[in-house]
Amino acid sequence: MSLGIVHLQPIVSLIAGILILIMPQLLNYIVAIFLIVSGILGLGLVR
């Protein structure tokens, strides 16, 4: 079984959700990092 971008995004979302529940003050940083990474991957700048 190979792990691709399609599988990576839900895993990252799940981990981010758990971290937000544990430490709500991380919300801004987690959302910002997630949006930046999603944008970079969406534009195809990183393969």
Protein backbone atom coordinates (compact mmCIF):
# COMPACT_ATOMS: atom_id res chain seq x y z
CA MET A 1 0.00 0.00 0.00
CA SER A 2 1.42 3.35 -0.99
CA LEU A 3 0.76 6.55 0.90
CA GLY A 4 0.04 9.48 -1.42
CA ILE A 5 -1.20 13.03 -1.11
CA VAL A 6 -4.78 11.77 -1.26
CA HIS A 7 -4.22 9.81 1.96
CA LEU A 8 -2.02 12.40 3.62
CA GLN A 9 -4.51 15.27 3.83
CA PRO A 10 -7.15 13.43 5.92
CA ILE A 11 -4.46 12.14 8.28
CA VAL A 12 -3.06 15.66 8.77
CA SER A 13 -6.59 16.99 9.32
CA LEU A 14 -7.27 14.36 11.97
CA ILE A 15 -4.03 15.12 13.82
CA ALA A 16 -4.72 18.87 13.61
CA GLY A 17 -8.23 18.36 15.00
CA ILE A 18 -6.91 16.38 17.95
CA LEU A 19 -4.24 19.01 18.67
CA ILE A 20 -6.85 21.77 18.56
CA LEU A 21 -9.01 19.88 21.06
CA ILE A 22 -6.04 19.43 23.39
CA MET A 23 -4.57 22.93 23.01
CA PRO A 24 -7.06 25.43 21.49
CA GLN A 25 -4.48 28.25 21.37
CA LEU A 26 -2.74 26.36 18.53
CA LEU A 27 -5.76 26.85 16.25
CA ASN A 28 -4.37 29.87 14.37
CA TYR A 29 -1.01 28.24 13.70
CA ILE A 30 -2.45 24.87 12.66
CA VAL A 31 -4.93 26.47 10.25
CA ALA A 32 -2.28 28.75 8.77
CA ILE A 33 0.21 25.92 8.23
CA PHE A 34 -2.50 23.66 6.78
CA LEU A 35 -3.63 26.34 4.32
CA ILE A 36 -0.07 27.13 3.22
CA VAL A 37 0.79 23.47 2.66
CA SER A 38 -2.50 22.81 0.85
CA GLY A 39 -1.88 25.82 -1.40
CA ILE A 40 1.66 24.73 -2.24
CA LEU A 41 0.54 21.19 -3.02
CA GLY A 42 -2.46 22.46 -5.00
CA LEU A 43 -0.26 24.65 -7.18
CA GLY A 44 2.06 21.72 -7.81
CA LEU A 45 5.15 23.51 -6.50
CA VAL A 46 6.15 20.40 -4.51
CA ARG A 47 5.79 16.88 -5.80
